[in-house]
Amino acid sequence: MSSDLNEYTNSEDYEIVRKISTGKHADLFEGVHIPDFTRRILKPAKEVGRDTIEREINILHSLRGGVNILLLYGVIRNGPLEPPSLVLEYVENIDFRRLYPTFSSDDIRYYIKELLKALQFSHSKSIMHRDIRPHNIMIDPTERKLRLLGWDYAEFYVPSSLYSVRVGLGFNRAPELLLNHERYDCGVDMWSLGVLLASMIFRKEPFFHGASNSLQLQRIARVLGTKGLLNVVEKYDIDTTPDGFDDIPHFEKTPLQNLFNEDNEKYASIEAIDLLDKLLRWDHAERITANDAMSHAYFS
């Protein structure tokens, strides 16, 4: 841990300016550090998120100094019975719903690589983020700055361990989580990165949209084909009966290049399709790693 981290800080030194977002475990606020008038993000934990925020503190300590990872400046603890609050680096973020539609091909390539740098660092520390989605990515386009936040669901990876599948939110969750397969790895983040890239270049957010795990898998199967899903179920001996996954219809794999049309064809490239193909694999063991993705031709 860096020596300039002030582990415990006084809540009276901060003034809340506005709420940035609302979350299950904690809300985000823009705040001001009164002694030097610097802007910060304040993340006070809700009671339901006490254990989660404690884990996030440990994770952020381990990731301190990592490329494009939101910096933890300190922790506010008003008392042993009060959930802690995080004091984080401030980013002049633009909401992704307004920002992403303005991206050029070069912008997409640049920001995906900036996100990949954060994942490469966290995975090198054996830390899975497990909740990669637009809401947890702050981008300041003026400064060309990206920061990855939202480490609420992050966990240290130990090979062959079992992990909770009740992690992450939204429609970027990997198939192994949807299938309730508890023995997974950092590939969950690479899948989510692939879904994010697909949503950007195909101009479809979210890229896969299902109201339940079964319907989400069906949406994925429409693109990747059902055969790959069945292979994963057989390889990892996954019981699909209780959740109705056996009812998913048969779909042939759709070539990704067929998803381009007059609205998004300017983002088409052989390199983008190849990287997507390596990210969006049913089997987490077959997905490209963050390390290998960094040297992919898409970023040349």
C-alpha atoms as a PDB file:
ATOM      1  CA  MET A   1       0.000   0.000   0.000  1.00  0.00           C
ATOM      2  CA  SER A   2       1.289   3.473  -0.860  1.00  0.00           C
ATOM      3  CA  SER A   3       2.341   5.601   2.068  1.00  0.00           C
ATOM      4  CA  ASP A   4       0.243   8.534   0.824  1.00  0.00           C
ATOM      5  CA  LEU A   5      -3.010   6.682   1.512  1.00  0.00           C
ATOM      6  CA  ASN A   6      -4.691   8.289   4.510  1.00  0.00           C
ATOM      7  CA  GLU A   7      -6.487   5.172   5.739  1.00  0.00           C
ATOM      8  CA  TYR A   8      -8.877   6.913   8.121  1.00  0.00           C
ATOM      9  CA  THR A   9     -10.235  10.342   7.414  1.00  0.00           C
ATOM     10  CA  ASN A  10     -12.696  12.689   9.117  1.00  0.00           C
ATOM     11  CA  SER A  11     -16.207  12.994   7.690  1.00  0.00           C
ATOM     12  CA  GLU A  12     -16.264  16.674   8.751  1.00  0.00           C
ATOM     13  CA  ASP A  13     -13.563  17.346   6.158  1.00  0.00           C
ATOM     14  CA  TYR A  14     -16.017  16.571   3.339  1.00  0.00           C
ATOM     15  CA  GLU A  15     -19.105  18.239   1.977  1.00  0.00           C
ATOM     16  CA  ILE A  16     -21.518  16.428  -0.347  1.00  0.00           C
ATOM     17  CA  VAL A  17     -22.361  18.341  -3.523  1.00  0.00           C
ATOM     18  CA  ARG A  18     -24.727  15.970  -5.347  1.00  0.00           C
ATOM     19  CA  LYS A  19     -25.716  12.333  -5.751  1.00  0.00           C
ATOM     20  CA  ILE A  20     -24.107  10.675  -8.757  1.00  0.00           C
ATOM     21  CA  SER A  21     -25.796   7.270  -8.705  1.00  0.00           C
ATOM     22  CA  THR A  22     -27.765   4.826  -6.578  1.00  0.00           C
ATOM     23  CA  GLY A  23     -26.612   1.257  -5.971  1.00  0.00           C
ATOM     24  CA  LYS A  24     -27.673  -1.816  -4.016  1.00  0.00           C
ATOM     25  CA  HIS A  25     -24.793  -1.698  -1.536  1.00  0.00           C
ATOM     26  CA  ALA A  26     -23.874   1.993  -1.633  1.00  0.00           C
ATOM     27  CA  ASP A  27     -24.656   5.282  -3.351  1.00  0.00           C
ATOM     28  CA  LEU A  28     -22.095   7.500  -5.066  1.00  0.00           C
ATOM     29  CA  PHE A  29     -21.840  11.215  -4.328  1.00  0.00           C
ATOM     30  CA  GLU A  30     -19.706  14.026  -5.638  1.00  0.00           C
ATOM     31  CA  GLY A  31     -18.032  15.677  -2.678  1.00  0.00           C
ATOM     32  CA  VAL A  32     -15.455  18.309  -1.819  1.00  0.00           C
ATOM     33  CA  HIS A  33     -12.481  17.857   0.491  1.00  0.00           C
ATOM     34  CA  ILE A  34     -12.900  21.141   2.389  1.00  0.00           C
ATOM     35  CA  PRO A  35      -9.267  21.710   3.538  1.00  0.00           C
ATOM     36  CA  ASP A  36      -7.942  21.916  -0.037  1.00  0.00           C
ATOM     37  CA  PHE A  37     -11.164  22.189  -2.107  1.00  0.00           C
ATOM     38  CA  THR A  38     -10.387  19.083  -4.151  1.00  0.00           C
ATOM     39  CA  ARG A  39     -13.246  17.073  -5.638  1.00  0.00           C
ATOM     40  CA  ARG A  40     -13.752  13.495  -4.540  1.00  0.00           C
ATOM     41  CA  ILE A  41     -16.265  10.696  -4.967  1.00  0.00           C
ATOM     42  CA  LEU A  42     -17.818   9.636  -1.672  1.00  0.00           C
ATOM     43  CA  LYS A  43     -19.257   6.141  -1.376  1.00  0.00           C
ATOM     44  CA  PRO A  44     -21.083   5.611   1.933  1.00  0.00           C
ATOM     45  CA  ALA A  45     -22.098   1.988   2.429  1.00  0.00           C
ATOM     46  CA  LYS A  46     -25.682   1.069   3.137  1.00  0.00           C
ATOM     47  CA  GLU A  47     -26.291  -1.311   6.038  1.00  0.00           C
ATOM     48  CA  VAL A  48     -26.941  -4.140   3.571  1.00  0.00           C
ATOM     49  CA  GLY A  49     -23.570  -3.463   1.992  1.00  0.00           C
ATOM     50  CA  ARG A  50     -21.377  -3.425   5.108  1.00  0.00           C
ATOM     51  CA  ASP A  51     -19.579  -6.719   4.365  1.00  0.00           C
ATOM     52  CA  THR A  52     -19.351  -5.887   0.672  1.00  0.00           C
ATOM     53  CA  ILE A  53     -17.734  -2.498   1.273  1.00  0.00           C
ATOM     54  CA  GLU A  54     -15.188  -4.049   3.657  1.00  0.00           C
ATOM     55  CA  ARG A  55     -14.194  -6.488   0.913  1.00  0.00           C
ATOM     56  CA  GLU A  56     -14.019  -3.626  -1.572  1.00  0.00           C
ATOM     57  CA  ILE A  57     -11.604  -1.766   0.733  1.00  0.00           C
ATOM     58  CA  ASN A  58      -9.315  -4.806   0.830  1.00  0.00           C
ATOM     59  CA  ILE A  59      -9.522  -5.185  -2.949  1.00  0.00           C
ATOM     60  CA  LEU A  60      -8.739  -1.502  -3.584  1.00  0.00           C
ATOM     61  CA  HIS A  61      -5.753  -1.718  -1.245  1.00  0.00           C
ATOM     62  CA  SER A  62      -4.420  -4.616  -3.328  1.00  0.00           C
ATOM     63  CA  LEU A  63      -5.064  -2.720  -6.566  1.00  0.00           C
ATOM     64  CA  ARG A  64      -3.683   0.626  -5.429  1.00  0.00           C
ATOM     65  CA  GLY A  65      -1.589   2.203  -8.168  1.00  0.00           C
ATOM     66  CA  GLY A  66      -3.094  -0.021 -10.848  1.00  0.00           C
ATOM     67  CA  VAL A  67      -3.604   1.373 -14.334  1.00  0.00           C
ATOM     68  CA  ASN A  68      -7.039   2.983 -14.816  1.00  0.00           C
ATOM     69  CA  ILE A  69      -8.385   1.757 -11.471  1.00  0.00           C
ATOM     70  CA  LEU A  70     -10.247   4.375  -9.444  1.00  0.00           C
ATOM     71  CA  LEU A  71      -7.950   5.464  -6.625  1.00  0.00           C
ATOM     72  CA  LEU A  72      -8.937   5.007  -2.989  1.00  0.00           C
ATOM     73  CA  TYR A  73      -7.876   8.068  -0.971  1.00  0.00           C
ATOM     74  CA  GLY A  74      -9.202   7.042   2.391  1.00  0.00           C
ATOM     75  CA  VAL A  75     -11.954   5.502   4.511  1.00  0.00           C
ATOM     76  CA  ILE A  76     -14.390   7.358   6.754  1.00  0.00           C
ATOM     77  CA  ARG A  77     -15.391   5.452   9.895  1.00  0.00           C
ATOM     78  CA  ASN A  78     -17.674   7.414  12.179  1.00  0.00           C
ATOM     79  CA  GLY A  79     -17.992   4.597  14.699  1.00  0.00           C
ATOM     80  CA  PRO A  80     -17.854   0.810  15.099  1.00  0.00           C
ATOM     81  CA  LEU A  81     -21.589   0.487  14.446  1.00  0.00           C
ATOM     82  CA  GLU A  82     -21.623   2.680  11.342  1.00  0.00           C
ATOM     83  CA  PRO A  83     -20.839   1.257   7.885  1.00  0.00           C
ATOM     84  CA  PRO A  84     -17.691   2.859   6.440  1.00  0.00           C
ATOM     85  CA  SER A  85     -17.558   5.310   3.533  1.00  0.00           C
ATOM     86  CA  LEU A  86     -14.965   5.314   0.779  1.00  0.00           C
ATOM     87  CA  VAL A  87     -13.227   8.465  -0.429  1.00  0.00           C
ATOM     88  CA  LEU A  88     -12.342   7.954  -4.094  1.00  0.00           C
ATOM     89  CA  GLU A  89     -10.729   9.765  -7.006  1.00  0.00           C
ATOM     90  CA  TYR A  90     -13.090  12.100  -8.862  1.00  0.00           C
ATOM     91  CA  VAL A  91     -13.703  11.696 -12.591  1.00  0.00           C
ATOM     92  CA  GLU A  92     -15.742  14.133 -14.707  1.00  0.00           C
ATOM     93  CA  ASN A  93     -17.853  11.275 -16.018  1.00  0.00           C
ATOM     94  CA  ILE A  94     -20.278  11.497 -18.949  1.00  0.00           C
ATOM     95  CA  ASP A  95     -23.229   9.097 -18.819  1.00  0.00           C
ATOM     96  CA  PHE A  96     -22.606   6.192 -21.202  1.00  0.00           C
ATOM     97  CA  ARG A  97     -26.065   6.567 -22.767  1.00  0.00           C
ATOM     98  CA  ARG A  98     -25.005   9.963 -24.098  1.00  0.00           C
ATOM     99  CA  LEU A  99     -21.321   9.205 -24.597  1.00  0.00           C
ATOM    100  CA  TYR A 100     -21.156   5.857 -26.386  1.00  0.00           C
ATOM    101  CA  PRO A 101     -23.291   6.922 -29.384  1.00  0.00           C
ATOM    102  CA  THR A 102     -20.740   9.678 -30.088  1.00  0.00           C
ATOM    103  CA  PHE A 103     -17.791   7.276 -30.307  1.00  0.00           C
ATOM    104  CA  SER A 104     -15.834   6.807 -33.519  1.00  0.00           C
ATOM    105  CA  SER A 105     -14.086   3.501 -34.311  1.00  0.00           C
ATOM    106  CA  ASP A 106     -10.879   4.951 -32.885  1.00  0.00           C
ATOM    107  CA  ASP A 107     -12.656   6.026 -29.696  1.00  0.00           C
ATOM    108  CA  ILE A 108     -14.037   2.514 -29.173  1.00  0.00           C
ATOM    109  CA  ARG A 109     -10.611   0.975 -29.753  1.00  0.00           C
ATOM    110  CA  TYR A 110      -8.975   3.456 -27.374  1.00  0.00           C
ATOM    111  CA  TYR A 111     -11.401   3.059 -24.467  1.00  0.00           C
ATOM    112  CA  ILE A 112     -11.684  -0.719 -24.766  1.00  0.00           C
ATOM    113  CA  LYS A 113      -7.904  -0.916 -24.503  1.00  0.00           C
ATOM    114  CA  GLU A 114      -7.907   1.454 -21.502  1.00  0.00           C
ATOM    115  CA  LEU A 115     -10.429  -0.842 -19.812  1.00  0.00           C
ATOM    116  CA  LEU A 116      -8.358  -3.852 -20.788  1.00  0.00           C
ATOM    117  CA  LYS A 117      -5.324  -2.292 -19.058  1.00  0.00           C
ATOM    118  CA  ALA A 118      -7.294  -2.201 -15.790  1.00  0.00           C
ATOM    119  CA  LEU A 119      -8.348  -5.833 -16.219  1.00  0.00           C
ATOM    120  CA  GLN A 120      -4.818  -6.904 -17.094  1.00  0.00           C
ATOM    121  CA  PHE A 121      -3.582  -5.351 -13.851  1.00  0.00           C
ATOM    122  CA  SER A 122      -6.357  -6.768 -11.650  1.00  0.00           C
ATOM    123  CA  HIS A 123      -6.026 -10.246 -13.169  1.00  0.00           C
ATOM    124  CA  SER A 124      -2.253 -10.104 -12.612  1.00  0.00           C
ATOM    125  CA  LYS A 125      -3.143  -9.671  -8.934  1.00  0.00           C
ATOM    126  CA  SER A 126      -5.546 -12.651  -9.206  1.00  0.00           C
ATOM    127  CA  ILE A 127      -8.573 -10.410  -8.698  1.00  0.00           C
ATOM    128  CA  MET A 128     -11.811 -10.905 -10.636  1.00  0.00           C
ATOM    129  CA  HIS A 129     -13.998  -7.790 -10.953  1.00  0.00           C
ATOM    130  CA  ARG A 130     -17.182  -9.782 -11.746  1.00  0.00           C
ATOM    131  CA  ASP A 131     -19.323  -6.743 -12.586  1.00  0.00           C
ATOM    132  CA  ILE A 132     -17.926  -5.172 -15.777  1.00  0.00           C
ATOM    133  CA  ARG A 133     -20.674  -3.010 -17.265  1.00  0.00           C
ATOM    134  CA  PRO A 134     -21.089   0.602 -18.420  1.00  0.00           C
ATOM    135  CA  HIS A 135     -22.302   1.757 -14.994  1.00  0.00           C
ATOM    136  CA  ASN A 136     -18.941   0.800 -13.463  1.00  0.00           C
ATOM    137  CA  ILE A 137     -16.811   2.569 -16.045  1.00  0.00           C
ATOM    138  CA  MET A 138     -16.224   6.309 -15.722  1.00  0.00           C
ATOM    139  CA  ILE A 139     -15.018   8.185 -18.800  1.00  0.00           C
ATOM    140  CA  ASP A 140     -13.944  11.795 -19.094  1.00  0.00           C
ATOM    141  CA  PRO A 141     -13.697  12.296 -22.886  1.00  0.00           C
ATOM    142  CA  THR A 142     -12.071  15.722 -22.521  1.00  0.00           C
ATOM    143  CA  GLU A 143      -9.121  14.218 -20.656  1.00  0.00           C
ATOM    144  CA  ARG A 144      -9.401  10.888 -22.528  1.00  0.00           C
ATOM    145  CA  LYS A 145      -9.494   9.297 -19.071  1.00  0.00           C
ATOM    146  CA  LEU A 146     -11.142   5.993 -18.131  1.00  0.00           C
ATOM    147  CA  ARG A 147     -11.431   4.568 -14.635  1.00  0.00           C
ATOM    148  CA  LEU A 148     -12.854   1.205 -13.553  1.00  0.00           C
ATOM    149  CA  LEU A 149     -14.842   1.291 -10.319  1.00  0.00           C
ATOM    150  CA  GLY A 150     -17.566  -0.799  -8.662  1.00  0.00           C
ATOM    151  CA  TRP A 151     -15.431  -3.461  -6.997  1.00  0.00           C
ATOM    152  CA  ASP A 152     -18.364  -4.510  -4.778  1.00  0.00           C
ATOM    153  CA  TYR A 153     -18.478  -8.014  -6.270  1.00  0.00           C
ATOM    154  CA  ALA A 154     -14.725  -8.456  -6.785  1.00  0.00           C
ATOM    155  CA  GLU A 155     -12.987 -11.521  -5.388  1.00  0.00           C
ATOM    156  CA  PHE A 156      -9.526 -13.047  -5.200  1.00  0.00           C
ATOM    157  CA  TYR A 157      -9.139 -15.931  -7.630  1.00  0.00           C
ATOM    158  CA  VAL A 158      -7.755 -19.240  -6.399  1.00  0.00           C
ATOM    159  CA  PRO A 159      -7.626 -22.023  -9.018  1.00  0.00           C
ATOM    160  CA  SER A 160     -10.281 -24.756  -8.726  1.00  0.00           C
ATOM    161  CA  SER A 161     -12.183 -22.854  -6.015  1.00  0.00           C
ATOM    162  CA  LEU A 162     -15.957 -22.482  -5.954  1.00  0.00           C
ATOM    163  CA  TYR A 163     -17.444 -18.997  -6.132  1.00  0.00           C
ATOM    164  CA  SER A 164     -20.870 -17.453  -5.810  1.00  0.00           C
ATOM    165  CA  VAL A 165     -22.792 -17.050  -9.066  1.00  0.00           C
ATOM    166  CA  ARG A 166     -24.909 -14.296  -7.521  1.00  0.00           C
ATOM    167  CA  VAL A 167     -22.524 -11.573  -8.610  1.00  0.00           C
ATOM    168  CA  GLY A 168     -22.768  -8.739 -11.095  1.00  0.00           C
ATOM    169  CA  LEU A 169     -25.834  -6.978 -12.387  1.00  0.00           C
ATOM    170  CA  GLY A 170     -27.316  -6.304 -15.782  1.00  0.00           C
ATOM    171  CA  PHE A 171     -26.938  -8.124 -19.067  1.00  0.00           C
ATOM    172  CA  ASN A 172     -23.145  -8.536 -19.274  1.00  0.00           C
ATOM    173  CA  ARG A 173     -23.030 -11.605 -17.010  1.00  0.00           C
ATOM    174  CA  ALA A 174     -21.061 -14.543 -18.344  1.00  0.00           C
ATOM    175  CA  PRO A 175     -22.768 -17.843 -19.331  1.00  0.00           C
ATOM    176  CA  GLU A 176     -21.141 -19.739 -16.441  1.00  0.00           C
ATOM    177  CA  LEU A 177     -22.873 -17.403 -13.985  1.00  0.00           C
ATOM    178  CA  LEU A 178     -26.196 -17.778 -15.799  1.00  0.00           C
ATOM    179  CA  LEU A 179     -25.758 -21.579 -15.672  1.00  0.00           C
ATOM    180  CA  ASN A 180     -24.994 -21.464 -11.920  1.00  0.00           C
ATOM    181  CA  HIS A 181     -21.557 -23.003 -12.522  1.00  0.00           C
ATOM    182  CA  GLU A 182     -19.504 -22.111  -9.445  1.00  0.00           C
ATOM    183  CA  ARG A 183     -16.025 -23.131 -10.647  1.00  0.00           C
ATOM    184  CA  TYR A 184     -15.045 -20.206 -12.885  1.00  0.00           C
ATOM    185  CA  ASP A 185     -12.146 -17.783 -13.310  1.00  0.00           C
ATOM    186  CA  CYS A 186     -11.142 -14.346 -14.643  1.00  0.00           C
ATOM    187  CA  GLY A 187     -12.834 -15.285 -17.908  1.00  0.00           C
ATOM    188  CA  VAL A 188     -16.047 -13.826 -16.469  1.00  0.00           C
ATOM    189  CA  ASP A 189     -14.522 -10.370 -16.936  1.00  0.00           C
ATOM    190  CA  MET A 190     -13.348 -11.121 -20.466  1.00  0.00           C
ATOM    191  CA  TRP A 191     -16.876 -12.149 -21.453  1.00  0.00           C
ATOM    192  CA  SER A 192     -18.257  -8.875 -20.069  1.00  0.00           C
ATOM    193  CA  LEU A 193     -15.582  -6.935 -21.944  1.00  0.00           C
ATOM    194  CA  GLY A 194     -16.668  -8.708 -25.117  1.00  0.00           C
ATOM    195  CA  VAL A 195     -20.320  -7.835 -24.554  1.00  0.00           C
ATOM    196  CA  LEU A 196     -19.343  -4.207 -23.984  1.00  0.00           C
ATOM    197  CA  LEU A 197     -17.302  -4.127 -27.198  1.00  0.00           C
ATOM    198  CA  ALA A 198     -20.168  -5.763 -29.122  1.00  0.00           C
ATOM    199  CA  SER A 199     -22.671  -3.212 -27.822  1.00  0.00           C
ATOM    200  CA  MET A 200     -20.387  -0.392 -28.975  1.00  0.00           C
ATOM    201  CA  ILE A 201     -19.593  -1.584 -32.495  1.00  0.00           C
ATOM    202  CA  PHE A 202     -23.049  -2.981 -33.259  1.00  0.00           C
ATOM    203  CA  ARG A 203     -24.785   0.023 -31.668  1.00  0.00           C
ATOM    204  CA  LYS A 204     -27.034  -2.183 -29.519  1.00  0.00           C
ATOM    205  CA  GLU A 205     -27.166  -1.615 -25.752  1.00  0.00           C
ATOM    206  CA  PRO A 206     -27.552  -4.035 -24.122  1.00  0.00           C
ATOM    207  CA  PHE A 207     -26.209  -6.464 -26.705  1.00  0.00           C
ATOM    208  CA  PHE A 208     -27.848  -9.510 -25.041  1.00  0.00           C
ATOM    209  CA  HIS A 209     -31.149  -8.758 -23.326  1.00  0.00           C
ATOM    210  CA  GLY A 210     -33.047 -11.430 -21.412  1.00  0.00           C
ATOM    211  CA  ALA A 211     -35.491 -11.047 -18.522  1.00  0.00           C
ATOM    212  CA  SER A 212     -34.236 -14.234 -16.817  1.00  0.00           C
ATOM    213  CA  ASN A 213     -31.131 -16.429 -16.847  1.00  0.00           C
ATOM    214  CA  SER A 214     -32.828 -18.817 -19.252  1.00  0.00           C
ATOM    215  CA  LEU A 215     -33.923 -16.059 -21.630  1.00  0.00           C
ATOM    216  CA  GLN A 216     -30.483 -14.450 -21.418  1.00  0.00           C
ATOM    217  CA  LEU A 217     -28.884 -17.747 -22.444  1.00  0.00           C
ATOM    218  CA  GLN A 218     -31.386 -17.969 -25.283  1.00  0.00           C
ATOM    219  CA  ARG A 219     -30.387 -14.498 -26.523  1.00  0.00           C
ATOM    220  CA  ILE A 220     -26.741 -15.557 -26.441  1.00  0.00           C
ATOM    221  CA  ALA A 221     -27.540 -18.819 -28.247  1.00  0.00           C
ATOM    222  CA  ARG A 222     -29.188 -16.870 -31.081  1.00  0.00           C
ATOM    223  CA  VAL A 223     -25.746 -15.416 -31.842  1.00  0.00           C
ATOM    224  CA  LEU A 224     -23.252 -18.039 -30.666  1.00  0.00           C
ATOM    225  CA  GLY A 225     -25.393 -21.098 -31.436  1.00  0.00           C
ATOM    226  CA  THR A 226     -26.863 -23.658 -29.071  1.00  0.00           C
ATOM    227  CA  LYS A 227     -24.223 -26.310 -29.785  1.00  0.00           C
ATOM    228  CA  GLY A 228     -21.568 -24.444 -27.787  1.00  0.00           C
ATOM    229  CA  LEU A 229     -23.930 -24.161 -24.839  1.00  0.00           C
ATOM    230  CA  LEU A 230     -24.618 -27.898 -24.882  1.00  0.00           C
ATOM    231  CA  ASN A 231     -20.892 -28.619 -25.076  1.00  0.00           C
ATOM    232  CA  VAL A 232     -20.257 -26.516 -21.963  1.00  0.00           C
ATOM    233  CA  VAL A 233     -23.114 -28.184 -20.079  1.00  0.00           C
ATOM    234  CA  GLU A 234     -21.667 -31.603 -20.919  1.00  0.00           C
ATOM    235  CA  LYS A 235     -18.005 -30.670 -20.292  1.00  0.00           C
ATOM    236  CA  TYR A 236     -18.652 -29.271 -16.813  1.00  0.00           C
ATOM    237  CA  ASP A 237     -21.508 -31.685 -15.971  1.00  0.00           C
ATOM    238  CA  ILE A 238     -23.943 -28.836 -15.283  1.00  0.00           C
ATOM    239  CA  ASP A 239     -27.447 -29.742 -14.120  1.00  0.00           C
ATOM    240  CA  THR A 240     -29.798 -27.674 -16.281  1.00  0.00           C
ATOM    241  CA  THR A 241     -33.111 -29.283 -15.286  1.00  0.00           C
ATOM    242  CA  PRO A 242     -34.157 -27.125 -12.278  1.00  0.00           C
ATOM    243  CA  ASP A 243     -33.846 -23.831 -14.151  1.00  0.00           C
ATOM    244  CA  GLY A 244     -35.515 -24.853 -17.386  1.00  0.00           C
ATOM    245  CA  PHE A 245     -32.354 -24.420 -19.445  1.00  0.00           C
ATOM    246  CA  ASP A 246     -33.224 -27.630 -21.345  1.00  0.00           C
ATOM    247  CA  ASP A 247     -36.034 -25.721 -23.078  1.00  0.00           C
ATOM    248  CA  ILE A 248     -33.694 -23.410 -24.994  1.00  0.00           C
ATOM    249  CA  PRO A 249     -34.359 -23.912 -28.736  1.00  0.00           C
ATOM    250  CA  HIS A 250     -31.683 -24.956 -31.189  1.00  0.00           C
ATOM    251  CA  PHE A 251     -29.964 -22.078 -32.994  1.00  0.00           C
ATOM    252  CA  GLU A 252     -27.169 -22.183 -35.529  1.00  0.00           C
ATOM    253  CA  LYS A 253     -24.214 -19.892 -34.892  1.00  0.00           C
ATOM    254  CA  THR A 254     -24.578 -16.480 -36.547  1.00  0.00           C
ATOM    255  CA  PRO A 255     -21.404 -15.086 -38.158  1.00  0.00           C
ATOM    256  CA  LEU A 256     -20.691 -11.848 -36.290  1.00  0.00           C
ATOM    257  CA  GLN A 257     -20.066  -9.953 -39.523  1.00  0.00           C
ATOM    258  CA  ASN A 258     -23.731 -10.603 -40.418  1.00  0.00           C
ATOM    259  CA  LEU A 259     -24.754  -8.289 -37.571  1.00  0.00           C
ATOM    260  CA  PHE A 260     -23.441  -5.206 -39.331  1.00  0.00           C
ATOM    261  CA  ASN A 261     -25.938  -3.025 -41.178  1.00  0.00           C
ATOM    262  CA  GLU A 262     -26.118   0.476 -42.630  1.00  0.00           C
ATOM    263  CA  ASP A 263     -26.321   1.954 -39.113  1.00  0.00           C
ATOM    264  CA  ASN A 264     -23.122   0.384 -37.790  1.00  0.00           C
ATOM    265  CA  GLU A 265     -21.100  -0.785 -40.800  1.00  0.00           C
ATOM    266  CA  LYS A 266     -18.553   2.003 -40.324  1.00  0.00           C
ATOM    267  CA  TYR A 267     -17.358   0.171 -37.181  1.00  0.00           C
ATOM    268  CA  ALA A 268     -16.798  -3.100 -39.033  1.00  0.00           C
ATOM    269  CA  SER A 269     -13.294  -4.518 -39.227  1.00  0.00           C
ATOM    270  CA  ILE A 270     -11.763  -7.978 -39.482  1.00  0.00           C
ATOM    271  CA  GLU A 271      -9.738  -7.303 -36.332  1.00  0.00           C
ATOM    272  CA  ALA A 272     -12.772  -6.262 -34.267  1.00  0.00           C
ATOM    273  CA  ILE A 273     -14.680  -9.395 -35.311  1.00  0.00           C
ATOM    274  CA  ASP A 274     -11.689 -11.605 -34.508  1.00  0.00           C
ATOM    275  CA  LEU A 275     -11.280 -10.114 -31.023  1.00  0.00           C
ATOM    276  CA  LEU A 276     -15.018 -10.461 -30.368  1.00  0.00           C
ATOM    277  CA  ASP A 277     -14.880 -14.080 -31.450  1.00  0.00           C
ATOM    278  CA  LYS A 278     -12.080 -14.736 -28.957  1.00  0.00           C
ATOM    279  CA  LEU A 279     -13.939 -12.954 -26.126  1.00  0.00           C
ATOM    280  CA  LEU A 280     -17.472 -14.264 -26.670  1.00  0.00           C
ATOM    281  CA  ARG A 281     -16.894 -17.967 -26.119  1.00  0.00           C
ATOM    282  CA  TRP A 282     -19.344 -20.173 -24.228  1.00  0.00           C
ATOM    283  CA  ASP A 283     -16.460 -21.927 -22.455  1.00  0.00           C
ATOM    284  CA  HIS A 284     -14.553 -19.593 -20.128  1.00  0.00           C
ATOM    285  CA  ALA A 285     -11.432 -21.743 -20.611  1.00  0.00           C
ATOM    286  CA  GLU A 286     -11.408 -20.859 -24.322  1.00  0.00           C
ATOM    287  CA  ARG A 287     -11.654 -17.071 -23.944  1.00  0.00           C
ATOM    288  CA  ILE A 288      -8.662 -14.887 -24.655  1.00  0.00           C
ATOM    289  CA  THR A 289      -6.909 -13.610 -21.531  1.00  0.00           C
ATOM    290  CA  ALA A 290      -6.402  -9.938 -20.747  1.00  0.00           C
ATOM    291  CA  ASN A 291      -2.673 -10.391 -21.297  1.00  0.00           C
ATOM    292  CA  ASP A 292      -3.093 -11.867 -24.778  1.00  0.00           C
ATOM    293  CA  ALA A 293      -5.859  -9.442 -25.716  1.00  0.00           C
ATOM    294  CA  MET A 294      -3.514  -6.499 -25.103  1.00  0.00           C
ATOM    295  CA  SER A 295      -1.395  -7.579 -28.074  1.00  0.00           C
ATOM    296  CA  HIS A 296      -4.334  -8.359 -30.375  1.00  0.00           C
ATOM    297  CA  ALA A 297      -4.226  -6.864 -33.880  1.00  0.00           C
ATOM    298  CA  TYR A 298      -7.378  -4.830 -33.108  1.00  0.00           C
ATOM    299  CA  PHE A 299      -5.222  -2.480 -31.039  1.00  0.00           C
ATOM    300  CA  SER A 300      -2.388  -2.195 -33.547  1.00  0.00           C
END
